[in-house]
């Protein structure tokens, strides 16, 4: 990326495209003094590792035009985008179609980063939107929780994934918790994958009902850690690897090796640390799809485990 001018607006050249960045010096993270141009430069830096995780997936953007201390909003559909930003037409569950945003190259990522802080992806790709290629369990505490507790839950989730024949991966969300997910071979649709995720979560919750819950209603969770499997629904999303989070501290959703979990915290990596991390370490999720497993076979194995512990 080469910035042609630091004045307002700035012209950013990336991959032969010109991106116009209005108010490049606007402060988006007041506590850290992080500006819009800092955000754009971060995304340009991580593009080589982030783009494979975005490719082919409809995006939802979280925008905070005035910074994280002001209200933000989600954007699912393109609005006055340049013609070179790729979009797709998707069927709507209620009938008809809608346009969705996809990101396949660094120029598009930089353009979108000029307007949004967070990138959220679907667990399915545009070539087969009816069959997820990921199953996700989101370990979501109601507030700050002790890191050792969250690590233990993530490890337990990983053990369940392995026991049912799936290969687990872990991500620090950059917020309050961790994601544990596994790649799938797309042999099952959303209903089956959502049911699988729900069964995994209920098994985990049954192992420690005073700590964990699958209750959807907040007023029934009793301060327990929510095992959220709603990310597996049709049209649902989760935080993309290497996305910034619109929270104080400028945490980043960070793929981890399982061995790193012993020292990891949910928001332990930030806009400042990720470039240094990537300079010395490859993306732990490279080749994730090569470990894809069957959701249907996994659910059959899980049914046996649940029966042995007295769960239906």
C-alpha atoms as a PDB file:
ATOM      1  CA  UNK A   1       0.000   0.000   0.000  1.00  0.00           C
ATOM      2  CA  UNK A   2       1.280   3.468  -0.862  1.00  0.00           C
ATOM      3  CA  UNK A   3      -0.423   6.561   0.553  1.00  0.00           C
ATOM      4  CA  UNK A   4      -0.327   9.352  -2.007  1.00  0.00           C
ATOM      5  CA  UNK A   5      -1.394  12.099   0.394  1.00  0.00           C
ATOM      6  CA  UNK A   6      -1.944  12.416   4.102  1.00  0.00           C
ATOM      7  CA  UNK A   7      -4.377  15.267   3.670  1.00  0.00           C
ATOM      8  CA  UNK A   8      -8.105  14.736   3.618  1.00  0.00           C
ATOM      9  CA  UNK A   9      -9.009  12.712   1.682  1.00  0.00           C
ATOM     10  CA  UNK A  10      -6.024  10.393   1.175  1.00  0.00           C
ATOM     11  CA  UNK A  11      -5.436   8.298  -1.915  1.00  0.00           C
ATOM     12  CA  UNK A  12      -4.245   4.758  -1.235  1.00  0.00           C
ATOM     13  CA  UNK A  13      -2.807   2.649  -4.032  1.00  0.00           C
ATOM     14  CA  UNK A  14      -2.996  -1.118  -3.635  1.00  0.00           C
ATOM     15  CA  UNK A  15      -2.835  -3.728  -6.393  1.00  0.00           C
ATOM     16  CA  UNK A  16      -3.257  -1.015  -9.001  1.00  0.00           C
ATOM     17  CA  UNK A  17      -6.488   0.240  -7.448  1.00  0.00           C
ATOM     18  CA  UNK A  18      -7.034   3.645  -5.921  1.00  0.00           C
ATOM     19  CA  UNK A  19      -8.953   3.754  -2.678  1.00  0.00           C
ATOM     20  CA  UNK A  20     -10.107   7.147  -1.470  1.00  0.00           C
ATOM     21  CA  UNK A  21      -9.898   7.396   2.296  1.00  0.00           C
ATOM     22  CA  UNK A  22     -11.817  10.262   3.840  1.00  0.00           C
ATOM     23  CA  UNK A  23     -10.607  11.679   7.146  1.00  0.00           C
ATOM     24  CA  UNK A  24      -7.564   9.365   7.433  1.00  0.00           C
ATOM     25  CA  UNK A  25      -6.530  10.942  10.751  1.00  0.00           C
ATOM     26  CA  UNK A  26      -9.904  10.390  12.423  1.00  0.00           C
ATOM     27  CA  UNK A  27      -9.452   8.635  15.772  1.00  0.00           C
ATOM     28  CA  UNK A  28     -11.390   5.349  15.796  1.00  0.00           C
ATOM     29  CA  UNK A  29      -9.976   3.871  19.015  1.00  0.00           C
ATOM     30  CA  UNK A  30      -9.752   6.840  21.407  1.00  0.00           C
ATOM     31  CA  UNK A  31      -8.042   4.942  24.213  1.00  0.00           C
ATOM     32  CA  UNK A  32      -5.232   3.837  21.924  1.00  0.00           C
ATOM     33  CA  UNK A  33      -5.110   6.819  19.570  1.00  0.00           C
ATOM     34  CA  UNK A  34      -5.630   4.488  16.581  1.00  0.00           C
ATOM     35  CA  UNK A  35      -6.712   6.314  13.438  1.00  0.00           C
ATOM     36  CA  UNK A  36      -8.555   5.268  10.323  1.00  0.00           C
ATOM     37  CA  UNK A  37      -5.313   5.139   8.338  1.00  0.00           C
ATOM     38  CA  UNK A  38      -3.833   2.884  11.042  1.00  0.00           C
ATOM     39  CA  UNK A  39      -6.769   0.500  10.635  1.00  0.00           C
ATOM     40  CA  UNK A  40      -6.425   0.446   6.855  1.00  0.00           C
ATOM     41  CA  UNK A  41      -2.662  -0.117   7.100  1.00  0.00           C
ATOM     42  CA  UNK A  42      -3.260  -3.031   9.491  1.00  0.00           C
ATOM     43  CA  UNK A  43      -5.628  -4.770   7.085  1.00  0.00           C
ATOM     44  CA  UNK A  44      -3.272  -4.231   4.171  1.00  0.00           C
ATOM     45  CA  UNK A  45      -0.495  -5.819   6.244  1.00  0.00           C
ATOM     46  CA  UNK A  46      -2.504  -8.923   7.192  1.00  0.00           C
ATOM     47  CA  UNK A  47      -4.162  -9.369   3.791  1.00  0.00           C
ATOM     48  CA  UNK A  48      -1.990 -12.352   2.731  1.00  0.00           C
ATOM     49  CA  UNK A  49      -3.080 -14.418   5.739  1.00  0.00           C
ATOM     50  CA  UNK A  50      -6.595 -13.033   6.161  1.00  0.00           C
ATOM     51  CA  UNK A  51      -7.825 -13.286   2.574  1.00  0.00           C
ATOM     52  CA  UNK A  52      -7.864 -17.111   2.424  1.00  0.00           C
ATOM     53  CA  UNK A  53     -10.298 -17.079   5.361  1.00  0.00           C
ATOM     54  CA  UNK A  54     -12.555 -14.527   3.654  1.00  0.00           C
ATOM     55  CA  UNK A  55     -12.466 -15.967   0.143  1.00  0.00           C
ATOM     56  CA  UNK A  56     -15.836 -17.058  -1.151  1.00  0.00           C
ATOM     57  CA  UNK A  57     -17.698 -16.179   2.042  1.00  0.00           C
ATOM     58  CA  UNK A  58     -20.456 -13.564   2.186  1.00  0.00           C
ATOM     59  CA  UNK A  59     -19.366 -10.860   4.597  1.00  0.00           C
ATOM     60  CA  UNK A  60     -21.052  -8.840   7.267  1.00  0.00           C
ATOM     61  CA  UNK A  61     -19.228  -5.645   8.189  1.00  0.00           C
ATOM     62  CA  UNK A  62     -19.387  -3.826  11.513  1.00  0.00           C
ATOM     63  CA  UNK A  63     -19.008  -0.115  10.921  1.00  0.00           C
ATOM     64  CA  UNK A  64     -18.191   2.592  13.448  1.00  0.00           C
ATOM     65  CA  UNK A  65     -17.805   5.732  11.331  1.00  0.00           C
ATOM     66  CA  UNK A  66     -17.248   7.975  14.350  1.00  0.00           C
ATOM     67  CA  UNK A  67     -15.130   5.538  16.356  1.00  0.00           C
ATOM     68  CA  UNK A  68     -15.812   2.760  18.827  1.00  0.00           C
ATOM     69  CA  UNK A  69     -17.135   5.098  21.508  1.00  0.00           C
ATOM     70  CA  UNK A  70     -20.032   6.021  19.227  1.00  0.00           C
ATOM     71  CA  UNK A  71     -22.838   3.730  17.999  1.00  0.00           C
ATOM     72  CA  UNK A  72     -22.009   1.335  15.173  1.00  0.00           C
ATOM     73  CA  UNK A  73     -24.070  -0.738  12.773  1.00  0.00           C
ATOM     74  CA  UNK A  74     -23.820  -3.936  10.744  1.00  0.00           C
ATOM     75  CA  UNK A  75     -23.808  -3.926   6.955  1.00  0.00           C
ATOM     76  CA  UNK A  76     -24.571  -7.061   4.922  1.00  0.00           C
ATOM     77  CA  UNK A  77     -25.318  -5.575   1.527  1.00  0.00           C
ATOM     78  CA  UNK A  78     -23.164  -3.430  -0.789  1.00  0.00           C
ATOM     79  CA  UNK A  79     -24.005   0.248  -1.000  1.00  0.00           C
ATOM     80  CA  UNK A  80     -22.416   2.508  -3.635  1.00  0.00           C
ATOM     81  CA  UNK A  81     -19.333   0.292  -3.908  1.00  0.00           C
ATOM     82  CA  UNK A  82     -16.879   0.687  -6.800  1.00  0.00           C
ATOM     83  CA  UNK A  83     -17.575  -1.633  -9.731  1.00  0.00           C
ATOM     84  CA  UNK A  84     -14.391  -3.607  -9.059  1.00  0.00           C
ATOM     85  CA  UNK A  85     -15.576  -4.690  -5.585  1.00  0.00           C
ATOM     86  CA  UNK A  86     -17.056  -8.143  -6.095  1.00  0.00           C
ATOM     87  CA  UNK A  87     -20.605  -8.836  -4.981  1.00  0.00           C
ATOM     88  CA  UNK A  88     -22.881 -11.824  -5.444  1.00  0.00           C
ATOM     89  CA  UNK A  89     -26.613 -12.351  -5.741  1.00  0.00           C
ATOM     90  CA  UNK A  90     -27.995 -14.779  -3.177  1.00  0.00           C
ATOM     91  CA  UNK A  91     -31.461 -16.256  -2.637  1.00  0.00           C
ATOM     92  CA  UNK A  92     -33.313 -15.046   0.452  1.00  0.00           C
ATOM     93  CA  UNK A  93     -35.045 -17.537   2.735  1.00  0.00           C
ATOM     94  CA  UNK A  94     -38.188 -15.400   2.515  1.00  0.00           C
ATOM     95  CA  UNK A  95     -38.052 -15.407  -1.283  1.00  0.00           C
ATOM     96  CA  UNK A  96     -36.371 -13.180  -3.826  1.00  0.00           C
ATOM     97  CA  UNK A  97     -32.684 -12.329  -3.818  1.00  0.00           C
ATOM     98  CA  UNK A  98     -30.233  -9.959  -2.190  1.00  0.00           C
ATOM     99  CA  UNK A  99     -26.731  -8.727  -2.903  1.00  0.00           C
ATOM    100  CA  UNK A 100     -23.876  -9.774  -0.642  1.00  0.00           C
ATOM    101  CA  UNK A 101     -20.308  -8.577  -0.191  1.00  0.00           C
ATOM    102  CA  UNK A 102     -17.343 -10.856  -0.857  1.00  0.00           C
ATOM    103  CA  UNK A 103     -13.641 -10.118  -0.559  1.00  0.00           C
ATOM    104  CA  UNK A 104     -11.143 -11.914  -2.774  1.00  0.00           C
ATOM    105  CA  UNK A 105      -8.199  -9.517  -2.985  1.00  0.00           C
ATOM    106  CA  UNK A 106      -6.164  -7.000  -1.022  1.00  0.00           C
ATOM    107  CA  UNK A 107      -7.596  -3.976  -2.837  1.00  0.00           C
ATOM    108  CA  UNK A 108     -11.112  -4.957  -1.809  1.00  0.00           C
ATOM    109  CA  UNK A 109      -9.989  -5.602   1.770  1.00  0.00           C
ATOM    110  CA  UNK A 110      -8.397  -2.160   1.943  1.00  0.00           C
ATOM    111  CA  UNK A 111     -11.490  -0.535   0.450  1.00  0.00           C
ATOM    112  CA  UNK A 112     -13.769  -2.261   2.960  1.00  0.00           C
ATOM    113  CA  UNK A 113     -11.378  -1.451   5.828  1.00  0.00           C
ATOM    114  CA  UNK A 114     -11.752   2.217   4.929  1.00  0.00           C
ATOM    115  CA  UNK A 115     -15.393   1.854   5.980  1.00  0.00           C
ATOM    116  CA  UNK A 116     -15.550  -0.930   8.571  1.00  0.00           C
ATOM    117  CA  UNK A 117     -13.660  -2.172  11.621  1.00  0.00           C
ATOM    118  CA  UNK A 118     -14.886  -5.758  11.908  1.00  0.00           C
ATOM    119  CA  UNK A 119     -15.295  -8.517   9.315  1.00  0.00           C
ATOM    120  CA  UNK A 120     -17.658 -11.419  10.007  1.00  0.00           C
ATOM    121  CA  UNK A 121     -17.912 -14.512   7.799  1.00  0.00           C
ATOM    122  CA  UNK A 122     -20.473 -17.230   7.193  1.00  0.00           C
ATOM    123  CA  UNK A 123     -19.658 -20.892   7.835  1.00  0.00           C
ATOM    124  CA  UNK A 124     -20.425 -21.634   4.171  1.00  0.00           C
ATOM    125  CA  UNK A 125     -19.054 -20.423   0.845  1.00  0.00           C
ATOM    126  CA  UNK A 126     -20.841 -19.019  -2.178  1.00  0.00           C
ATOM    127  CA  UNK A 127     -20.289 -22.142  -4.259  1.00  0.00           C
ATOM    128  CA  UNK A 128     -22.503 -24.127  -1.846  1.00  0.00           C
ATOM    129  CA  UNK A 129     -24.370 -21.876   0.550  1.00  0.00           C
ATOM    130  CA  UNK A 130     -26.679 -24.681   1.662  1.00  0.00           C
ATOM    131  CA  UNK A 131     -23.901 -26.872   3.081  1.00  0.00           C
ATOM    132  CA  UNK A 132     -21.594 -25.462   5.777  1.00  0.00           C
ATOM    133  CA  UNK A 133     -17.899 -26.226   5.652  1.00  0.00           C
ATOM    134  CA  UNK A 134     -17.372 -25.200   9.289  1.00  0.00           C
ATOM    135  CA  UNK A 135     -19.022 -25.980  12.620  1.00  0.00           C
ATOM    136  CA  UNK A 136     -18.426 -23.437  15.389  1.00  0.00           C
ATOM    137  CA  UNK A 137     -18.871 -23.343  19.165  1.00  0.00           C
ATOM    138  CA  UNK A 138     -18.492 -19.851  20.624  1.00  0.00           C
ATOM    139  CA  UNK A 139     -17.426 -19.798  24.279  1.00  0.00           C
ATOM    140  CA  UNK A 140     -19.119 -16.580  25.339  1.00  0.00           C
ATOM    141  CA  UNK A 141     -18.875 -15.442  28.970  1.00  0.00           C
ATOM    142  CA  UNK A 142     -21.264 -12.711  30.147  1.00  0.00           C
ATOM    143  CA  UNK A 143     -18.313 -10.504  31.063  1.00  0.00           C
ATOM    144  CA  UNK A 144     -14.603 -10.788  31.761  1.00  0.00           C
ATOM    145  CA  UNK A 145     -13.889 -14.337  32.924  1.00  0.00           C
ATOM    146  CA  UNK A 146     -10.719 -15.950  34.280  1.00  0.00           C
ATOM    147  CA  UNK A 147      -8.535 -17.018  31.378  1.00  0.00           C
ATOM    148  CA  UNK A 148      -7.733 -20.443  32.928  1.00  0.00           C
ATOM    149  CA  UNK A 149     -11.451 -21.235  33.058  1.00  0.00           C
ATOM    150  CA  UNK A 150     -11.969 -20.271  29.423  1.00  0.00           C
ATOM    151  CA  UNK A 151      -8.928 -22.266  28.368  1.00  0.00           C
ATOM    152  CA  UNK A 152     -10.234 -25.336  30.149  1.00  0.00           C
ATOM    153  CA  UNK A 153     -13.578 -25.077  28.382  1.00  0.00           C
ATOM    154  CA  UNK A 154     -11.863 -24.652  25.022  1.00  0.00           C
ATOM    155  CA  UNK A 155      -9.727 -27.740  25.670  1.00  0.00           C
ATOM    156  CA  UNK A 156     -12.794 -29.767  26.640  1.00  0.00           C
ATOM    157  CA  UNK A 157     -14.552 -28.654  23.466  1.00  0.00           C
ATOM    158  CA  UNK A 158     -11.508 -29.677  21.454  1.00  0.00           C
ATOM    159  CA  UNK A 159     -11.524 -33.099  23.116  1.00  0.00           C
ATOM    160  CA  UNK A 160     -15.177 -33.617  22.195  1.00  0.00           C
ATOM    161  CA  UNK A 161     -14.489 -32.644  18.585  1.00  0.00           C
ATOM    162  CA  UNK A 162     -11.637 -35.163  18.424  1.00  0.00           C
ATOM    163  CA  UNK A 163     -13.719 -37.901  20.069  1.00  0.00           C
ATOM    164  CA  UNK A 164     -16.326 -37.637  17.326  1.00  0.00           C
ATOM    165  CA  UNK A 165     -13.823 -37.665  14.494  1.00  0.00           C
ATOM    166  CA  UNK A 166     -13.491 -33.952  13.770  1.00  0.00           C
ATOM    167  CA  UNK A 167     -10.294 -31.892  13.796  1.00  0.00           C
ATOM    168  CA  UNK A 168     -10.652 -28.902  16.144  1.00  0.00           C
ATOM    169  CA  UNK A 169      -9.112 -25.484  15.713  1.00  0.00           C
ATOM    170  CA  UNK A 170      -9.147 -22.676  18.268  1.00  0.00           C
ATOM    171  CA  UNK A 171      -9.356 -18.914  17.921  1.00  0.00           C
ATOM    172  CA  UNK A 172      -9.027 -16.162  20.505  1.00  0.00           C
ATOM    173  CA  UNK A 173     -11.965 -13.953  19.578  1.00  0.00           C
ATOM    174  CA  UNK A 174     -10.337 -10.621  20.405  1.00  0.00           C
ATOM    175  CA  UNK A 175     -13.290 -10.068  22.715  1.00  0.00           C
ATOM    176  CA  UNK A 176     -14.301 -12.099  25.787  1.00  0.00           C
ATOM    177  CA  UNK A 177     -13.940 -15.733  24.757  1.00  0.00           C
ATOM    178  CA  UNK A 178     -12.700 -18.373  22.350  1.00  0.00           C
ATOM    179  CA  UNK A 179     -14.070 -20.077  19.251  1.00  0.00           C
ATOM    180  CA  UNK A 180     -13.576 -23.813  18.814  1.00  0.00           C
ATOM    181  CA  UNK A 181     -14.410 -24.984  15.315  1.00  0.00           C
ATOM    182  CA  UNK A 182     -13.826 -27.799  12.869  1.00  0.00           C
ATOM    183  CA  UNK A 183     -13.836 -28.016   9.065  1.00  0.00           C
ATOM    184  CA  UNK A 184     -16.585 -30.062   7.409  1.00  0.00           C
ATOM    185  CA  UNK A 185     -16.841 -31.906   4.108  1.00  0.00           C
ATOM    186  CA  UNK A 186     -20.210 -30.277   3.226  1.00  0.00           C
ATOM    187  CA  UNK A 187     -22.065 -33.580   3.254  1.00  0.00           C
ATOM    188  CA  UNK A 188     -24.676 -32.099   5.622  1.00  0.00           C
ATOM    189  CA  UNK A 189     -26.959 -29.099   5.493  1.00  0.00           C
ATOM    190  CA  UNK A 190     -27.416 -26.327   8.026  1.00  0.00           C
ATOM    191  CA  UNK A 191     -30.063 -28.091  10.102  1.00  0.00           C
ATOM    192  CA  UNK A 192     -27.830 -31.111  10.695  1.00  0.00           C
ATOM    193  CA  UNK A 193     -24.755 -28.998  11.437  1.00  0.00           C
ATOM    194  CA  UNK A 194     -26.680 -26.748  13.820  1.00  0.00           C
ATOM    195  CA  UNK A 195     -27.992 -29.851  15.576  1.00  0.00           C
ATOM    196  CA  UNK A 196     -24.462 -31.256  15.841  1.00  0.00           C
ATOM    197  CA  UNK A 197     -23.168 -28.037  17.367  1.00  0.00           C
ATOM    198  CA  UNK A 198     -26.105 -27.995  19.783  1.00  0.00           C
ATOM    199  CA  UNK A 199     -25.419 -31.559  20.886  1.00  0.00           C
ATOM    200  CA  UNK A 200     -21.733 -30.762  21.448  1.00  0.00           C
ATOM    201  CA  UNK A 201     -22.642 -27.707  23.515  1.00  0.00           C
ATOM    202  CA  UNK A 202     -25.239 -29.543  25.600  1.00  0.00           C
ATOM    203  CA  UNK A 203     -22.753 -32.323  26.356  1.00  0.00           C
ATOM    204  CA  UNK A 204     -20.223 -29.735  27.536  1.00  0.00           C
ATOM    205  CA  UNK A 205     -22.835 -27.875  29.581  1.00  0.00           C
ATOM    206  CA  UNK A 206     -23.939 -31.107  31.271  1.00  0.00           C
ATOM    207  CA  UNK A 207     -20.342 -31.692  32.390  1.00  0.00           C
ATOM    208  CA  UNK A 208     -20.413 -28.500  34.498  1.00  0.00           C
ATOM    209  CA  UNK A 209     -23.957 -27.084  34.718  1.00  0.00           C
ATOM    210  CA  UNK A 210     -23.002 -24.522  37.357  1.00  0.00           C
ATOM    211  CA  UNK A 211     -20.470 -22.954  34.994  1.00  0.00           C
ATOM    212  CA  UNK A 212     -21.837 -23.556  31.496  1.00  0.00           C
ATOM    213  CA  UNK A 213     -25.196 -23.095  29.820  1.00  0.00           C
ATOM    214  CA  UNK A 214     -26.901 -23.427  26.458  1.00  0.00           C
ATOM    215  CA  UNK A 215     -29.825 -21.202  27.487  1.00  0.00           C
ATOM    216  CA  UNK A 216     -30.708 -18.790  24.723  1.00  0.00           C
ATOM    217  CA  UNK A 217     -32.389 -16.284  27.018  1.00  0.00           C
ATOM    218  CA  UNK A 218     -29.922 -14.087  28.875  1.00  0.00           C
ATOM    219  CA  UNK A 219     -32.156 -13.882  31.947  1.00  0.00           C
ATOM    220  CA  UNK A 220     -31.970 -17.666  32.316  1.00  0.00           C
ATOM    221  CA  UNK A 221     -28.194 -18.005  32.081  1.00  0.00           C
ATOM    222  CA  UNK A 222     -27.579 -17.022  35.686  1.00  0.00           C
ATOM    223  CA  UNK A 223     -24.186 -15.497  34.958  1.00  0.00           C
ATOM    224  CA  UNK A 224     -22.907 -18.736  33.445  1.00  0.00           C
ATOM    225  CA  UNK A 225     -20.744 -18.991  30.343  1.00  0.00           C
ATOM    226  CA  UNK A 226     -22.897 -19.360  27.245  1.00  0.00           C
ATOM    227  CA  UNK A 227     -21.942 -22.006  24.705  1.00  0.00           C
ATOM    228  CA  UNK A 228     -23.275 -20.235  21.635  1.00  0.00           C
ATOM    229  CA  UNK A 229     -23.989 -22.376  18.586  1.00  0.00           C
ATOM    230  CA  UNK A 230     -26.155 -19.820  16.811  1.00  0.00           C
ATOM    231  CA  UNK A 231     -23.208 -19.074  14.526  1.00  0.00           C
ATOM    232  CA  UNK A 232     -24.123 -22.298  12.699  1.00  0.00           C
ATOM    233  CA  UNK A 233     -27.490 -21.067  11.475  1.00  0.00           C
ATOM    234  CA  UNK A 234     -28.218 -20.215   7.863  1.00  0.00           C
ATOM    235  CA  UNK A 235     -27.139 -16.635   7.236  1.00  0.00           C
ATOM    236  CA  UNK A 236     -25.317 -16.377  10.585  1.00  0.00           C
ATOM    237  CA  UNK A 237     -21.702 -15.259  10.939  1.00  0.00           C
ATOM    238  CA  UNK A 238     -18.730 -15.280  13.291  1.00  0.00           C
ATOM    239  CA  UNK A 239     -15.655 -13.077  13.667  1.00  0.00           C
ATOM    240  CA  UNK A 240     -13.246 -13.699  10.807  1.00  0.00           C
ATOM    241  CA  UNK A 241      -9.655 -14.642  11.560  1.00  0.00           C
ATOM    242  CA  UNK A 242      -7.507 -11.516  11.911  1.00  0.00           C
ATOM    243  CA  UNK A 243     -10.420  -9.113  12.103  1.00  0.00           C
ATOM    244  CA  UNK A 244     -10.078  -6.210  14.481  1.00  0.00           C
ATOM    245  CA  UNK A 245     -12.722  -5.972  17.173  1.00  0.00           C
ATOM    246  CA  UNK A 246     -14.533  -2.728  17.847  1.00  0.00           C
ATOM    247  CA  UNK A 247     -13.617  -2.762  21.530  1.00  0.00           C
ATOM    248  CA  UNK A 248     -11.170  -0.835  23.703  1.00  0.00           C
ATOM    249  CA  UNK A 249      -7.710  -2.293  23.283  1.00  0.00           C
ATOM    250  CA  UNK A 250      -8.116  -3.012  19.545  1.00  0.00           C
ATOM    251  CA  UNK A 251      -8.055  -6.773  20.056  1.00  0.00           C
ATOM    252  CA  UNK A 252      -7.826  -9.088  17.060  1.00  0.00           C
ATOM    253  CA  UNK A 253      -9.537 -12.448  16.436  1.00  0.00           C
ATOM    254  CA  UNK A 254      -6.468 -14.674  16.316  1.00  0.00           C
ATOM    255  CA  UNK A 255      -6.107 -18.307  15.186  1.00  0.00           C
ATOM    256  CA  UNK A 256      -3.975 -20.199  17.694  1.00  0.00           C
ATOM    257  CA  UNK A 257      -2.098 -23.439  17.847  1.00  0.00           C
ATOM    258  CA  UNK A 258      -3.466 -25.652  20.607  1.00  0.00           C
ATOM    259  CA  UNK A 259      -0.092 -25.524  22.345  1.00  0.00           C
ATOM    260  CA  UNK A 260      -0.440 -21.724  22.590  1.00  0.00           C
ATOM    261  CA  UNK A 261      -3.696 -21.955  24.505  1.00  0.00           C
ATOM    262  CA  UNK A 262      -1.851 -22.441  27.811  1.00  0.00           C
ATOM    263  CA  UNK A 263      -0.884 -18.756  27.831  1.00  0.00           C
ATOM    264  CA  UNK A 264      -3.598 -17.298  25.616  1.00  0.00           C
ATOM    265  CA  UNK A 265      -6.216 -14.763  26.593  1.00  0.00           C
ATOM    266  CA  UNK A 266      -9.241 -13.852  24.465  1.00  0.00           C
ATOM    267  CA  UNK A 267      -7.934 -10.377  23.612  1.00  0.00           C
ATOM    268  CA  UNK A 268      -4.241 -11.075  24.017  1.00  0.00           C
ATOM    269  CA  UNK A 269      -3.373 -10.095  20.442  1.00  0.00           C
ATOM    270  CA  UNK A 270      -3.973  -6.598  19.142  1.00  0.00           C
ATOM    271  CA  UNK A 271      -3.485  -4.400  16.121  1.00  0.00           C
ATOM    272  CA  UNK A 272       0.046  -3.747  17.412  1.00  0.00           C
ATOM    273  CA  UNK A 273       1.087  -7.345  18.107  1.00  0.00           C
ATOM    274  CA  UNK A 274      -0.360  -9.232  15.135  1.00  0.00           C
ATOM    275  CA  UNK A 275       2.100  -7.898  12.523  1.00  0.00           C
ATOM    276  CA  UNK A 276       4.980  -8.940  14.798  1.00  0.00           C
ATOM    277  CA  UNK A 277       3.383 -12.340  15.316  1.00  0.00           C
ATOM    278  CA  UNK A 278       2.975 -12.928  11.584  1.00  0.00           C
ATOM    279  CA  UNK A 279       6.562 -11.889  10.953  1.00  0.00           C
ATOM    280  CA  UNK A 280       7.785 -14.831  13.023  1.00  0.00           C
ATOM    281  CA  UNK A 281       4.948 -17.349  12.785  1.00  0.00           C
ATOM    282  CA  UNK A 282       2.816 -18.816  10.014  1.00  0.00           C
ATOM    283  CA  UNK A 283      -0.961 -18.771  10.221  1.00  0.00           C
ATOM    284  CA  UNK A 284      -1.941 -21.798  12.380  1.00  0.00           C
ATOM    285  CA  UNK A 285      -5.035 -22.348  10.239  1.00  0.00           C
ATOM    286  CA  UNK A 286      -3.228 -22.766   6.908  1.00  0.00           C
ATOM    287  CA  UNK A 287      -4.723 -25.769   5.130  1.00  0.00           C
ATOM    288  CA  UNK A 288      -7.628 -26.023   7.564  1.00  0.00           C
ATOM    289  CA  UNK A 289      -9.953 -27.426   4.884  1.00  0.00           C
ATOM    290  CA  UNK A 290      -7.690 -30.445   4.357  1.00  0.00           C
ATOM    291  CA  UNK A 291      -8.937 -31.830   7.687  1.00  0.00           C
ATOM    292  CA  UNK A 292     -12.629 -31.681   6.753  1.00  0.00           C
ATOM    293  CA  UNK A 293     -14.823 -34.322   8.342  1.00  0.00           C
ATOM    294  CA  UNK A 294     -18.422 -35.504   8.126  1.00  0.00           C
ATOM    295  CA  UNK A 295     -20.984 -33.809  10.355  1.00  0.00           C
ATOM    296  CA  UNK A 296     -23.357 -36.751   9.972  1.00  0.00           C
ATOM    297  CA  UNK A 297     -20.779 -39.310  11.050  1.00  0.00           C
ATOM    298  CA  UNK A 298     -19.691 -37.043  13.891  1.00  0.00           C
ATOM    299  CA  UNK A 299     -23.254 -36.761  15.155  1.00  0.00           C
ATOM    300  CA  UNK A 300     -23.631 -40.544  15.135  1.00  0.00           C
ATOM    301  CA  UNK A 301     -20.497 -40.892  17.257  1.00  0.00           C
ATOM    302  CA  UNK A 302     -21.688 -38.112  19.530  1.00  0.00           C
ATOM    303  CA  UNK A 303     -25.017 -39.854  20.059  1.00  0.00           C
ATOM    304  CA  UNK A 304     -23.143 -42.830  21.467  1.00  0.00           C
ATOM    305  CA  UNK A 305     -21.178 -40.631  23.860  1.00  0.00           C
ATOM    306  CA  UNK A 306     -24.296 -38.816  24.997  1.00  0.00           C
ATOM    307  CA  UNK A 307     -26.080 -42.117  25.622  1.00  0.00           C
ATOM    308  CA  UNK A 308     -23.197 -43.369  27.766  1.00  0.00           C
ATOM    309  CA  UNK A 309     -23.410 -40.301  30.005  1.00  0.00           C
ATOM    310  CA  UNK A 310     -27.187 -40.428  30.201  1.00  0.00           C
ATOM    311  CA  UNK A 311     -28.046 -37.605  27.802  1.00  0.00           C
ATOM    312  CA  UNK A 312     -30.702 -37.965  25.136  1.00  0.00           C
END
